[in-house]
Amino acid sequence: MTHAFLSTAPGRCGIIGNPTDMYGGSVLSCSTQERAAVLIEPSEVLKFEVAGQHFEVHRPEDLYPDGGYFDVAKAIIDFLDLGSAKFSLRWACDVPFAAGLSSSSAMSVSILNAIFAFLKRDEHPFFRAEMARHIELNYMALCGYQDAYMCMFGGLNYMDFNGKQFYRAFGDEPYATVEPLHKYVSDCPFVLAHTGVQRSSGTVHLPIRERWLEGDREVRRCYLRIAHLARLGKRALLAKDWQRLGVLMTENHDIQRDLGGSGPDNDRLIRAARDGGALGAKLAGAGGGGTIIALAADLQPVVEAVKQAGASRILYPKPRPGATVVPLKNTADRERAKRELALRGKQADIQYF
């Protein structure tokens, strides 16, 4: 009987439509090649390990968040009421942290799936995505629906979030619509450029969110337009009309920038990408730092341009499998899992969790 599992999930980058996933809108999104990975094994005590740090849970107070490495795992354990469980969680993540690429959601999805596998709890991916997002929203930070859904499903997707506007109560919301497009589109002419500035999505989204809740007509008008850009973007993507998709991406960014959802570091890299020949460029996630995504027929000049403008890391998004869980049946399997964690931890160029 298998009692150990390796669970992984990719990050994600918003091609067009973000951040309307928080407002009943639509997005086009692609997975990253970088992933979070979690090893779960039986243990005499509930314990966590990441980045060479160790933590054991002996009492309810141990699950209180403290802003440290273990808050994601603490939140999931607390939500599932598993404080007396006996297993160990070891994880690593090479999705850049606080970069607008959903590293925290990749971790949440990976840990949640690992625990479900260990407990032999069978739930469909929509349920799991909703639970991961609910935990992240209520225990950690303001976040959208795109993140957990993309980390769960992976690939290149058009997603519609009609009727999803933060009802808060878990189980009360409709599920999102996830439409895979990667089987129709072989090209993925995108590049990600990280500003090197970490940011919290909540600090970027919250002021605009408050305006939306107050009924600000400009915010509502703009987000209806951005959601429509995603629908137009789906058509352009399927037609491989990169020129058109680039124009739509640029409009998406211009709207979000004018609402105050970007930042000077983002805008600097976006200008550099366009000067380098990008057909379009925009935020891949929240602003104030993080990562931009650019579309180009020839990516190399764009890469050189953003590097000269100060990009700290270049990534190439690709449609990759979503959340996976692999049973570890013997010692050799476990050793391979440990090597994967070590490799992902080594590849991470910034500290995480």
Protein backbone atom coordinates (compact mmCIF):
# COMPACT_ATOMS: atom_id res chain seq x y z
CA MET A 1 0.00 0.00 0.00
CA THR A 2 1.36 3.41 -1.02
CA HIS A 3 1.69 6.00 1.73
CA ALA A 4 3.96 8.53 0.05
CA PHE A 5 3.21 10.81 -2.89
CA LEU A 6 4.85 13.49 -5.00
CA SER A 7 2.44 16.30 -5.88
CA THR A 8 3.31 19.10 -8.33
CA ALA A 9 1.58 22.08 -9.95
CA PRO A 10 2.70 24.80 -12.38
CA GLY A 11 2.63 28.55 -12.03
CA ARG A 12 0.63 30.64 -14.48
CA CYS A 13 0.84 33.86 -16.50
CA GLY A 14 -2.12 35.94 -17.61
CA ILE A 15 -1.99 36.55 -21.37
CA ILE A 16 -5.05 38.77 -21.51
CA GLY A 17 -8.13 39.53 -19.43
CA ASN A 18 -6.56 39.76 -15.98
CA PRO A 19 -7.54 40.90 -13.43
CA THR A 20 -11.20 40.43 -14.40
CA ASP A 21 -11.18 36.89 -13.01
CA MET A 22 -11.89 38.67 -9.72
CA TYR A 23 -14.92 40.43 -11.22
CA GLY A 24 -16.88 37.80 -13.11
CA GLY A 25 -14.81 38.32 -16.26
CA SER A 26 -12.75 36.19 -18.63
CA VAL A 27 -9.05 35.50 -19.18
CA LEU A 28 -6.59 33.74 -21.44
CA SER A 29 -3.85 32.17 -19.35
CA CYS A 30 -0.88 29.84 -19.82
CA SER A 31 1.02 27.65 -17.40
CA THR A 32 4.69 28.18 -16.65
CA GLN A 33 7.34 25.51 -17.07
CA GLU A 34 8.33 26.14 -13.45
CA ARG A 35 6.45 24.20 -10.77
CA ALA A 36 5.89 23.66 -7.09
CA ALA A 37 6.61 20.15 -5.81
CA VAL A 38 5.51 18.54 -2.54
CA LEU A 39 6.57 15.23 -0.99
CA ILE A 40 4.19 13.79 1.62
CA GLU A 41 5.20 10.82 3.78
CA PRO A 42 4.04 9.16 7.01
CA SER A 43 5.54 10.64 10.16
CA GLU A 44 5.26 10.31 13.94
CA VAL A 45 4.42 14.00 14.14
CA LEU A 46 3.00 16.59 11.74
CA LYS A 47 6.00 18.42 10.35
CA PHE A 48 7.07 20.64 7.46
CA GLU A 49 10.35 21.22 5.67
CA VAL A 50 11.28 23.84 3.08
CA ALA A 51 14.47 25.66 2.09
CA GLY A 52 16.41 23.87 4.83
CA GLN A 53 13.98 25.01 7.52
CA HIS A 54 11.98 22.60 9.72
CA PHE A 55 8.77 23.04 11.69
CA GLU A 56 6.69 20.70 13.85
CA VAL A 57 3.06 21.08 14.90
CA HIS A 58 2.29 20.08 18.49
CA ARG A 59 -0.58 22.38 19.47
CA PRO A 60 -3.24 24.52 17.74
CA GLU A 61 -1.22 27.69 18.27
CA ASP A 62 1.52 26.27 16.08
CA LEU A 63 -0.77 26.76 13.07
CA TYR A 64 -1.06 30.51 13.56
CA PRO A 65 0.44 32.37 10.56
CA ASP A 66 3.58 34.34 11.25
CA GLY A 67 4.58 35.55 7.79
CA GLY A 68 7.17 32.81 7.49
CA TYR A 69 7.99 29.88 5.25
CA PHE A 70 5.24 27.63 6.54
CA ASP A 71 2.11 29.80 6.36
CA VAL A 72 0.69 28.12 3.25
CA ALA A 73 0.89 24.66 4.82
CA LYS A 74 -0.41 25.96 8.15
CA ALA A 75 -3.44 27.51 6.45
CA ILE A 76 -4.36 24.30 4.64
CA ILE A 77 -3.87 22.12 7.72
CA ASP A 78 -5.96 24.50 9.81
CA PHE A 79 -8.77 24.69 7.23
CA LEU A 80 -8.92 20.89 6.94
CA ASP A 81 -8.70 20.51 10.74
CA LEU A 82 -5.71 18.18 10.50
CA GLY A 83 -3.61 19.54 13.36
CA SER A 84 -3.27 16.06 14.85
CA ALA A 85 -2.39 14.35 11.55
CA LYS A 86 0.77 12.29 11.27
CA PHE A 87 2.58 13.04 8.05
CA SER A 88 5.45 15.17 6.86
CA LEU A 89 5.35 17.71 4.05
CA ARG A 90 8.54 18.66 2.24
CA TRP A 91 8.37 21.11 -0.64
CA ALA A 92 10.25 23.28 -3.10
CA CYS A 93 9.17 25.74 -5.77
CA ASP A 94 11.00 27.30 -8.70
CA VAL A 95 8.08 29.55 -9.68
CA PRO A 96 9.41 33.01 -8.74
CA PHE A 97 7.93 34.21 -5.46
CA ALA A 98 5.86 37.43 -5.31
CA ALA A 99 6.25 37.81 -9.08
CA GLY A 100 2.66 37.66 -10.30
CA LEU A 101 3.07 34.05 -11.46
CA SER A 102 0.98 32.37 -8.75
CA SER A 103 3.76 30.72 -6.77
CA SER A 104 1.60 30.70 -3.64
CA SER A 105 -1.32 29.12 -5.53
CA ALA A 106 0.99 26.51 -7.04
CA MET A 107 2.11 25.67 -3.51
CA SER A 108 -1.46 25.62 -2.17
CA VAL A 109 -2.68 23.33 -4.94
CA SER A 110 0.32 21.00 -4.59
CA ILE A 111 0.00 20.71 -0.82
CA LEU A 112 -3.77 20.25 -0.95
CA ASN A 113 -3.50 17.51 -3.59
CA ALA A 114 -0.74 15.78 -1.64
CA ILE A 115 -2.89 15.69 1.48
CA PHE A 116 -5.95 14.46 -0.41
CA ALA A 117 -3.89 11.64 -1.91
CA PHE A 118 -2.47 10.70 1.50
CA LEU A 119 -5.98 10.66 3.02
CA LYS A 120 -7.40 8.82 -0.01
CA ARG A 121 -9.90 11.64 -0.43
CA ASP A 122 -11.26 11.82 -3.97
CA GLU A 123 -12.44 15.24 -5.16
CA HIS A 124 -12.79 16.61 -8.70
CA PRO A 125 -10.40 19.37 -9.86
CA PHE A 126 -13.02 22.15 -9.79
CA PHE A 127 -13.68 21.46 -6.11
CA ARG A 128 -9.94 21.39 -5.39
CA ALA A 129 -9.31 24.66 -7.26
CA GLU A 130 -12.11 26.39 -5.37
CA MET A 131 -10.86 25.12 -2.03
CA ALA A 132 -7.28 26.20 -2.71
CA ARG A 133 -8.45 29.69 -3.70
CA HIS A 134 -10.78 29.95 -0.70
CA ILE A 135 -7.96 29.05 1.70
CA GLU A 136 -5.53 31.49 0.09
CA LEU A 137 -8.08 34.31 0.09
CA ASN A 138 -9.21 33.86 3.68
CA TYR A 139 -5.93 32.91 5.31
CA MET A 140 -3.31 34.77 3.33
CA ALA A 141 -4.05 37.46 0.73
CA LEU A 142 -6.50 38.87 -1.78
CA CYS A 143 -6.33 36.69 -4.89
CA GLY A 144 -8.28 35.91 -8.02
CA TYR A 145 -9.76 32.68 -9.32
CA GLN A 146 -7.45 32.37 -12.32
CA ASP A 147 -4.51 31.39 -10.12
CA ALA A 148 -5.84 28.24 -8.47
CA TYR A 149 -7.70 27.11 -11.59
CA MET A 150 -4.61 27.41 -13.78
CA CYS A 151 -2.38 25.70 -11.23
CA MET A 152 -4.92 22.89 -11.05
CA PHE A 153 -5.69 22.48 -14.77
CA GLY A 154 -2.44 23.69 -16.39
CA GLY A 155 -2.15 24.15 -20.16
CA LEU A 156 -3.31 27.13 -22.22
CA ASN A 157 -6.89 28.01 -21.37
CA TYR A 158 -9.71 30.42 -21.98
CA MET A 159 -11.55 30.72 -18.68
CA ASP A 160 -14.83 32.39 -17.87
CA PHE A 161 -15.73 33.43 -14.32
CA ASN A 162 -19.27 34.65 -14.86
CA GLY A 163 -21.11 34.93 -11.55
CA LYS A 164 -17.95 34.59 -9.46
CA GLN A 165 -17.50 37.74 -7.41
CA PHE A 166 -16.24 36.68 -3.97
CA TYR A 167 -19.28 35.37 -2.19
CA ARG A 168 -16.72 34.21 0.38
CA ALA A 169 -18.64 31.16 1.67
CA PHE A 170 -16.94 28.04 0.35
CA GLY A 171 -19.30 25.99 -1.78
CA ASP A 172 -21.70 28.81 -2.61
CA GLU A 173 -20.09 29.93 -5.85
CA PRO A 174 -20.55 28.56 -9.36
CA TYR A 175 -17.55 26.80 -10.84
CA ALA A 176 -15.51 28.54 -13.51
CA THR A 177 -15.59 27.44 -17.14
CA VAL A 178 -12.21 26.11 -18.28
CA GLU A 179 -11.75 25.71 -22.02
CA PRO A 180 -8.40 24.17 -23.09
CA LEU A 181 -6.93 25.76 -26.22
CA HIS A 182 -3.46 24.15 -26.36
CA LYS A 183 -4.66 21.31 -28.57
CA TYR A 184 -5.50 23.90 -31.25
CA VAL A 185 -2.44 26.17 -30.88
CA SER A 186 1.06 24.77 -31.25
CA ASP A 187 2.87 28.11 -31.14
CA CYS A 188 3.52 29.92 -27.87
CA PRO A 189 5.40 33.10 -28.86
CA PHE A 190 5.52 34.62 -25.37
CA VAL A 191 8.28 35.59 -22.97
CA LEU A 192 8.13 36.59 -19.31
CA ALA A 193 10.43 39.21 -17.82
CA HIS A 194 10.66 39.60 -14.05
CA THR A 195 11.28 43.11 -12.72
CA GLY A 196 13.16 41.79 -9.71
CA VAL A 197 10.69 43.62 -7.46
CA GLN A 198 8.57 41.46 -5.18
CA ARG A 199 5.01 42.61 -4.66
CA SER A 200 1.88 41.53 -2.82
CA SER A 201 -1.10 41.14 -5.13
CA GLY A 202 -3.37 42.35 -2.34
CA THR A 203 -1.68 45.74 -2.08
CA VAL A 204 -2.12 46.25 -5.83
CA HIS A 205 -5.65 44.92 -6.19
CA LEU A 206 -7.24 46.19 -2.98
CA PRO A 207 -7.64 49.92 -3.82
CA ILE A 208 -9.23 49.11 -7.20
CA ARG A 209 -11.31 46.38 -5.57
CA GLU A 210 -12.69 48.91 -3.09
CA ARG A 211 -13.63 51.27 -5.92
CA TRP A 212 -15.41 48.43 -7.71
CA LEU A 213 -17.35 47.48 -4.57
CA GLU A 214 -18.36 51.10 -4.14
CA GLY A 215 -19.85 51.05 -7.64
CA ASP A 216 -17.22 53.19 -9.35
CA ARG A 217 -18.54 53.43 -12.91
CA GLU A 218 -15.09 53.86 -14.46
CA VAL A 219 -13.71 50.72 -12.85
CA ARG A 220 -16.76 48.70 -13.86
CA ARG A 221 -16.65 50.02 -17.43
CA CYS A 222 -12.94 49.27 -17.72
CA TYR A 223 -13.23 45.73 -16.41
CA LEU A 224 -16.14 44.94 -18.70
CA ARG A 225 -13.89 46.06 -21.55
CA ILE A 226 -10.92 43.98 -20.38
CA ALA A 227 -13.12 40.88 -20.08
CA HIS A 228 -14.28 41.49 -23.65
CA LEU A 229 -10.65 41.82 -24.76
CA ALA A 230 -10.12 38.26 -23.51
CA ARG A 231 -13.00 37.02 -25.65
CA LEU A 232 -11.53 38.82 -28.66
CA GLY A 233 -8.11 37.48 -27.71
CA LYS A 234 -9.36 33.91 -27.82
CA ARG A 235 -10.39 34.41 -31.43
CA ALA A 236 -7.05 36.01 -32.31
CA LEU A 237 -5.10 33.24 -30.57
CA LEU A 238 -6.95 30.47 -32.35
CA ALA A 239 -6.41 32.25 -35.67
CA LYS A 240 -2.74 32.80 -34.79
CA ASP A 241 -3.35 36.48 -35.55
CA TRP A 242 -0.45 37.60 -33.37
CA GLN A 243 -0.64 41.22 -34.53
CA ARG A 244 -4.25 41.44 -33.37
CA LEU A 245 -3.56 39.66 -30.10
CA GLY A 246 -0.68 42.03 -29.40
CA VAL A 247 -2.92 45.07 -29.89
CA LEU A 248 -5.48 43.59 -27.48
CA MET A 249 -2.81 42.81 -24.87
CA THR A 250 -1.51 46.35 -25.06
CA GLU A 251 -4.98 47.79 -24.59
CA ASN A 252 -5.48 45.51 -21.58
CA HIS A 253 -2.34 46.91 -19.99
CA ASP A 254 -3.11 50.52 -20.82
CA ILE A 255 -6.49 50.25 -19.10
CA GLN A 256 -5.06 48.60 -15.99
CA ARG A 257 -2.19 51.11 -15.84
CA ASP A 258 -4.58 54.05 -16.01
CA LEU A 259 -6.56 52.58 -13.12
CA GLY A 260 -3.39 52.49 -11.04
CA GLY A 261 -2.81 48.75 -11.31
CA SER A 262 0.69 48.83 -12.80
CA GLY A 263 3.87 50.53 -11.60
CA PRO A 264 7.08 52.16 -12.88
CA ASP A 265 9.09 48.92 -12.90
CA ASN A 266 6.43 47.14 -14.93
CA ASP A 267 5.98 50.04 -17.31
CA ARG A 268 9.73 50.32 -17.89
CA LEU A 269 10.00 46.69 -19.00
CA ILE A 270 6.84 46.95 -21.10
CA ARG A 271 8.21 49.97 -22.95
CA ALA A 272 11.50 48.14 -23.47
CA ALA A 273 9.69 45.08 -24.81
CA ARG A 274 7.75 47.17 -27.30
CA ASP A 275 10.91 49.00 -28.35
CA GLY A 276 12.49 45.58 -28.88
CA GLY A 277 9.79 44.58 -31.31
CA ALA A 278 7.07 43.08 -29.12
CA LEU A 279 3.65 43.06 -30.76
CA GLY A 280 2.11 43.49 -27.33
CA ALA A 281 3.13 43.51 -23.69
CA LYS A 282 1.34 43.72 -20.37
CA LEU A 283 1.36 42.58 -16.78
CA ALA A 284 1.38 38.83 -16.31
CA GLY A 285 -0.23 39.28 -12.90
CA ALA A 286 -0.57 42.09 -10.37
CA GLY A 287 1.45 45.28 -10.74
CA GLY A 288 3.82 47.22 -8.52
CA GLY A 289 6.63 44.87 -9.55
CA GLY A 290 6.45 41.25 -10.51
CA THR A 291 6.49 40.07 -14.11
CA ILE A 292 5.45 41.23 -17.56
CA ILE A 293 4.50 39.08 -20.54
CA ALA A 294 5.42 40.03 -24.10
CA LEU A 295 4.32 38.60 -27.45
CA ALA A 296 6.66 38.72 -30.46
CA ALA A 297 7.29 36.97 -33.75
CA ASP A 298 11.00 37.03 -32.84
CA LEU A 299 11.50 36.82 -29.09
CA GLN A 300 15.29 37.27 -28.94
CA PRO A 301 15.40 41.05 -29.59
CA VAL A 302 12.67 41.48 -26.98
CA VAL A 303 14.65 39.44 -24.48
CA GLU A 304 17.75 41.53 -25.07
CA ALA A 305 15.76 44.75 -24.71
CA VAL A 306 14.18 43.83 -21.38
CA LYS A 307 17.49 42.56 -20.04
CA GLN A 308 19.06 45.92 -20.84
CA ALA A 309 16.12 47.56 -19.08
CA GLY A 310 16.88 45.63 -15.91
CA ALA A 311 14.89 42.39 -16.11
CA SER A 312 16.25 40.03 -13.46
CA ARG A 313 14.94 36.79 -14.88
CA ILE A 314 13.58 35.56 -18.23
CA LEU A 315 11.06 32.73 -18.44
CA TYR A 316 9.28 31.08 -21.35
CA PRO A 317 5.71 29.98 -20.60
CA LYS A 318 4.48 26.78 -22.22
CA PRO A 319 1.30 24.73 -21.91
CA ARG A 320 2.27 22.16 -19.30
CA PRO A 321 0.24 19.60 -17.35
CA GLY A 322 -1.70 20.88 -14.39
CA ALA A 323 -1.62 19.40 -10.92
CA THR A 324 -0.23 15.86 -10.82
CA VAL A 325 0.08 13.35 -7.99
CA VAL A 326 2.40 10.35 -8.33
CA PRO A 327 2.42 7.50 -5.81
CA LEU A 328 5.88 6.61 -4.54
CA LYS A 329 5.90 2.82 -4.31
CA ASN A 330 9.44 2.14 -3.20
CA THR A 331 12.68 3.65 -1.97
CA ALA A 332 13.88 4.43 -5.50
CA ASP A 333 10.70 6.40 -6.20
CA ARG A 334 11.16 8.41 -3.02
CA GLU A 335 14.77 9.16 -3.82
CA ARG A 336 13.76 10.44 -7.27
CA ALA A 337 11.13 12.65 -5.63
CA LYS A 338 13.69 14.06 -3.22
CA ARG A 339 16.04 14.80 -6.12
CA GLU A 340 13.25 16.69 -7.90
CA LEU A 341 12.65 18.81 -4.81
CA ALA A 342 16.35 19.50 -4.48
CA LEU A 343 16.58 20.52 -8.13
CA ARG A 344 13.59 22.87 -7.93
CA GLY A 345 14.93 24.40 -4.74
CA LYS A 346 18.32 24.95 -6.38
CA GLN A 347 16.75 26.54 -9.47
CA ALA A 348 14.74 29.02 -7.41
CA ASP A 349 16.73 32.24 -7.65
CA ILE A 350 14.81 34.00 -4.88
CA GLN A 351 13.70 32.84 -1.45
CA TYR A 352 10.20 31.52 -1.17
CA PHE A 353 7.79 30.85 1.70
